[in-house]
Amino acid sequence: MTTITINERTKAGKTLLELAKMLSATNKGVIIEMDQNEPAVKEEKNKTDEFLKKVRRSAKHAREIGAGTRQGNSLDKLMNEL
């Protein structure tokens, strides 16, 4: 087992934590234990939060594509719009 300390106040820390959360939801080998002694940080809406939303959305799209349930636009439709 490996322990990783993540600073949730940094962009890299938030990104790594979100990645670990996504992996733990799909894989049984990843367990996240949060330290209850540290005070909760009030998250402000900023560029980091927007980036994390995009990461989550991309992961969702990747799962849909892998499962064959993602409905995208056809190339013909795209060319007609241009």
N, C-alpha and C. Protein backbone atom coordinates (compact mmCIF):
# COMPACT_ATOMS: atom_id res chain seq x y z
N MET A 1 0.85 -1.16 0.00
CA MET A 1 0.00 0.00 0.00
C MET A 1 0.90 1.23 0.00
N THR A 2 0.47 2.27 -0.71
CA THR A 2 1.20 3.53 -0.80
C THR A 2 0.31 4.65 -0.29
N THR A 3 0.91 5.55 0.47
CA THR A 3 0.18 6.72 0.97
C THR A 3 0.69 7.94 0.24
N ILE A 4 -0.23 8.75 -0.27
CA ILE A 4 0.12 9.98 -0.96
C ILE A 4 -0.54 11.13 -0.22
N THR A 5 0.23 12.14 0.13
CA THR A 5 -0.31 13.33 0.77
C THR A 5 -0.60 14.36 -0.31
N ILE A 6 -1.84 14.83 -0.35
CA ILE A 6 -2.27 15.76 -1.39
C ILE A 6 -2.71 17.07 -0.75
N ASN A 7 -2.16 18.16 -1.24
CA ASN A 7 -2.59 19.48 -0.79
C ASN A 7 -3.78 19.89 -1.67
N GLU A 8 -4.96 19.87 -1.09
CA GLU A 8 -6.19 20.15 -1.84
C GLU A 8 -6.33 21.61 -2.23
N ARG A 9 -5.44 22.46 -1.78
CA ARG A 9 -5.53 23.89 -2.09
C ARG A 9 -4.84 24.25 -3.39
N THR A 10 -4.08 23.33 -3.96
CA THR A 10 -3.36 23.61 -5.20
C THR A 10 -4.08 22.99 -6.38
N LYS A 11 -3.78 23.50 -7.58
CA LYS A 11 -4.38 22.94 -8.79
C LYS A 11 -3.99 21.49 -8.97
N ALA A 12 -2.71 21.21 -8.79
CA ALA A 12 -2.23 19.84 -8.96
C ALA A 12 -2.87 18.91 -7.94
N GLY A 13 -3.01 19.37 -6.70
CA GLY A 13 -3.63 18.54 -5.67
C GLY A 13 -5.09 18.24 -5.97
N LYS A 14 -5.82 19.27 -6.40
CA LYS A 14 -7.24 19.06 -6.73
C LYS A 14 -7.38 18.11 -7.92
N THR A 15 -6.51 18.28 -8.92
CA THR A 15 -6.58 17.42 -10.09
C THR A 15 -6.27 15.98 -9.73
N LEU A 16 -5.23 15.77 -8.94
CA LEU A 16 -4.85 14.42 -8.54
C LEU A 16 -5.95 13.77 -7.69
N LEU A 17 -6.55 14.54 -6.81
CA LEU A 17 -7.64 14.01 -5.98
C LEU A 17 -8.84 13.61 -6.83
N GLU A 18 -9.20 14.43 -7.80
CA GLU A 18 -10.32 14.10 -8.68
C GLU A 18 -10.02 12.84 -9.50
N LEU A 19 -8.78 12.73 -9.98
CA LEU A 19 -8.39 11.54 -10.73
C LEU A 19 -8.50 10.30 -9.85
N ALA A 20 -8.04 10.41 -8.61
CA ALA A 20 -8.13 9.27 -7.69
C ALA A 20 -9.59 8.92 -7.40
N LYS A 21 -10.45 9.93 -7.27
CA LYS A 21 -11.87 9.66 -7.04
C LYS A 21 -12.49 8.93 -8.22
N MET A 22 -12.12 9.35 -9.44
CA MET A 22 -12.66 8.68 -10.63
C MET A 22 -12.19 7.24 -10.69
N LEU A 23 -10.92 7.00 -10.38
CA LEU A 23 -10.39 5.64 -10.40
C LEU A 23 -11.02 4.78 -9.32
N SER A 24 -11.25 5.35 -8.15
CA SER A 24 -11.83 4.56 -7.07
C SER A 24 -13.28 4.19 -7.36
N ALA A 25 -13.96 4.99 -8.18
CA ALA A 25 -15.35 4.67 -8.52
C ALA A 25 -15.42 3.49 -9.48
N THR A 26 -14.41 3.32 -10.32
CA THR A 26 -14.45 2.25 -11.33
C THR A 26 -13.58 1.05 -10.98
N ASN A 27 -12.54 1.25 -10.17
CA ASN A 27 -11.61 0.17 -9.84
C ASN A 27 -11.66 -0.11 -8.34
N LYS A 28 -11.59 -1.39 -8.00
CA LYS A 28 -11.67 -1.78 -6.59
C LYS A 28 -10.32 -1.66 -5.88
N GLY A 29 -9.22 -1.42 -6.61
CA GLY A 29 -7.90 -1.36 -6.00
C GLY A 29 -7.53 -0.01 -5.45
N VAL A 30 -8.40 0.99 -5.58
CA VAL A 30 -8.08 2.34 -5.12
C VAL A 30 -9.04 2.70 -3.99
N ILE A 31 -8.48 3.08 -2.85
CA ILE A 31 -9.28 3.47 -1.69
C ILE A 31 -8.81 4.86 -1.26
N ILE A 32 -9.76 5.75 -1.03
CA ILE A 32 -9.43 7.11 -0.60
C ILE A 32 -9.84 7.27 0.85
N GLU A 33 -8.87 7.63 1.68
CA GLU A 33 -9.14 7.91 3.09
C GLU A 33 -8.82 9.37 3.34
N MET A 34 -9.81 10.14 3.73
CA MET A 34 -9.62 11.57 3.97
C MET A 34 -9.23 11.77 5.43
N ASP A 35 -8.28 12.67 5.67
CA ASP A 35 -7.84 13.00 7.03
C ASP A 35 -8.88 13.90 7.66
N GLN A 36 -9.48 13.46 8.74
CA GLN A 36 -10.56 14.22 9.38
C GLN A 36 -10.01 15.32 10.29
N ASN A 37 -8.71 15.31 10.58
CA ASN A 37 -8.13 16.31 11.48
C ASN A 37 -7.92 17.65 10.80
N GLU A 38 -7.77 17.66 9.48
CA GLU A 38 -7.54 18.91 8.78
C GLU A 38 -8.86 19.65 8.58
N PRO A 39 -8.86 20.96 8.75
CA PRO A 39 -10.10 21.73 8.54
C PRO A 39 -10.51 21.71 7.07
N ALA A 40 -11.79 21.68 6.87
CA ALA A 40 -12.31 21.70 5.50
C ALA A 40 -12.07 23.07 4.89
N VAL A 41 -11.64 23.07 3.66
CA VAL A 41 -11.35 24.31 2.96
C VAL A 41 -12.58 24.68 2.13
N LYS A 42 -13.07 25.89 2.30
CA LYS A 42 -14.19 26.35 1.50
C LYS A 42 -13.69 26.61 0.09
N GLU A 43 -14.26 25.88 -0.85
CA GLU A 43 -13.81 26.03 -2.23
C GLU A 43 -14.53 27.19 -2.90
N GLU A 44 -13.74 28.03 -3.50
CA GLU A 44 -14.29 29.15 -4.25
C GLU A 44 -14.35 28.76 -5.71
N LYS A 45 -15.31 29.30 -6.39
CA LYS A 45 -15.43 29.02 -7.81
C LYS A 45 -14.32 29.75 -8.55
N ASN A 46 -13.49 29.01 -9.22
CA ASN A 46 -12.37 29.61 -9.94
C ASN A 46 -12.02 28.74 -11.15
N LYS A 47 -10.91 29.04 -11.77
CA LYS A 47 -10.51 28.32 -12.97
C LYS A 47 -10.23 26.85 -12.68
N THR A 48 -9.73 26.56 -11.50
CA THR A 48 -9.43 25.18 -11.14
C THR A 48 -10.71 24.35 -11.10
N ASP A 49 -11.76 24.90 -10.50
CA ASP A 49 -13.02 24.18 -10.44
C ASP A 49 -13.58 23.94 -11.84
N GLU A 50 -13.47 24.93 -12.71
CA GLU A 50 -13.94 24.76 -14.08
C GLU A 50 -13.15 23.67 -14.79
N PHE A 51 -11.83 23.64 -14.56
CA PHE A 51 -10.98 22.61 -15.16
C PHE A 51 -11.39 21.23 -14.67
N LEU A 52 -11.67 21.11 -13.38
CA LEU A 52 -12.05 19.82 -12.83
C LEU A 52 -13.39 19.35 -13.40
N LYS A 53 -14.30 20.28 -13.64
CA LYS A 53 -15.57 19.91 -14.27
C LYS A 53 -15.33 19.34 -15.66
N LYS A 54 -14.40 19.96 -16.40
CA LYS A 54 -14.08 19.46 -17.73
C LYS A 54 -13.46 18.07 -17.67
N VAL A 55 -12.62 17.83 -16.66
CA VAL A 55 -11.99 16.51 -16.51
C VAL A 55 -13.07 15.46 -16.24
N ARG A 56 -14.00 15.78 -15.34
CA ARG A 56 -15.09 14.83 -15.03
C ARG A 56 -15.95 14.56 -16.26
N ARG A 57 -16.26 15.63 -17.01
CA ARG A 57 -17.09 15.49 -18.20
C ARG A 57 -16.36 14.63 -19.24
N SER A 58 -15.05 14.83 -19.40
CA SER A 58 -14.27 14.04 -20.35
C SER A 58 -14.26 12.57 -19.96
N ALA A 59 -14.14 12.29 -18.67
CA ALA A 59 -14.16 10.91 -18.21
C ALA A 59 -15.51 10.27 -18.51
N LYS A 60 -16.58 11.04 -18.32
CA LYS A 60 -17.92 10.52 -18.60
C LYS A 60 -18.05 10.21 -20.09
N HIS A 61 -17.58 11.12 -20.94
CA HIS A 61 -17.64 10.89 -22.38
C HIS A 61 -16.82 9.67 -22.78
N ALA A 62 -15.65 9.51 -22.16
CA ALA A 62 -14.80 8.36 -22.47
C ALA A 62 -15.51 7.05 -22.11
N ARG A 63 -16.19 7.03 -20.96
CA ARG A 63 -16.94 5.83 -20.57
C ARG A 63 -18.06 5.55 -21.56
N GLU A 64 -18.77 6.61 -22.00
CA GLU A 64 -19.86 6.43 -22.97
C GLU A 64 -19.32 5.92 -24.31
N ILE A 65 -18.20 6.46 -24.75
CA ILE A 65 -17.61 6.02 -26.02
C ILE A 65 -17.19 4.56 -25.91
N GLY A 66 -16.55 4.20 -24.78
CA GLY A 66 -16.11 2.82 -24.58
C GLY A 66 -17.27 1.85 -24.53
N ALA A 67 -18.40 2.28 -23.98
CA ALA A 67 -19.58 1.42 -23.89
C ALA A 67 -20.38 1.42 -25.18
N GLY A 68 -20.07 2.33 -26.09
CA GLY A 68 -20.80 2.40 -27.35
C GLY A 68 -22.14 3.10 -27.24
N THR A 69 -22.33 3.88 -26.17
CA THR A 69 -23.61 4.57 -25.98
C THR A 69 -23.54 6.06 -26.30
N ARG A 70 -22.36 6.54 -26.67
CA ARG A 70 -22.20 7.98 -26.97
C ARG A 70 -22.71 8.27 -28.36
N GLN A 71 -23.58 9.25 -28.47
CA GLN A 71 -24.12 9.67 -29.75
C GLN A 71 -23.47 10.99 -30.13
N GLY A 72 -22.67 10.99 -31.14
CA GLY A 72 -22.00 12.20 -31.59
C GLY A 72 -22.62 12.73 -32.87
N ASN A 73 -22.11 13.84 -33.35
CA ASN A 73 -22.58 14.41 -34.61
C ASN A 73 -21.85 13.74 -35.77
N SER A 74 -22.54 13.59 -36.88
CA SER A 74 -21.91 12.98 -38.05
C SER A 74 -21.02 14.00 -38.75
N LEU A 75 -20.10 13.51 -39.53
CA LEU A 75 -19.20 14.37 -40.28
C LEU A 75 -19.98 15.20 -41.28
N ASP A 76 -21.00 14.63 -41.90
CA ASP A 76 -21.84 15.38 -42.85
C ASP A 76 -22.49 16.59 -42.18
N LYS A 77 -23.02 16.39 -40.98
CA LYS A 77 -23.66 17.49 -40.26
C LYS A 77 -22.65 18.59 -39.95
N LEU A 78 -21.45 18.19 -39.54
CA LEU A 78 -20.42 19.16 -39.24
C LEU A 78 -20.03 19.95 -40.48
N MET A 79 -19.87 19.29 -41.61
CA MET A 79 -19.49 19.97 -42.84
C MET A 79 -20.59 20.91 -43.33
N ASN A 80 -21.84 20.52 -43.13
CA ASN A 80 -22.97 21.38 -43.53
C ASN A 80 -23.01 22.65 -42.68
N GLU A 81 -22.64 22.54 -41.40
CA GLU A 81 -22.63 23.72 -40.55
C GLU A 81 -21.52 24.70 -40.94
N LEU A 82 -20.43 24.17 -41.47
CA LEU A 82 -19.33 25.04 -41.88
C LEU A 82 -19.69 25.72 -43.18
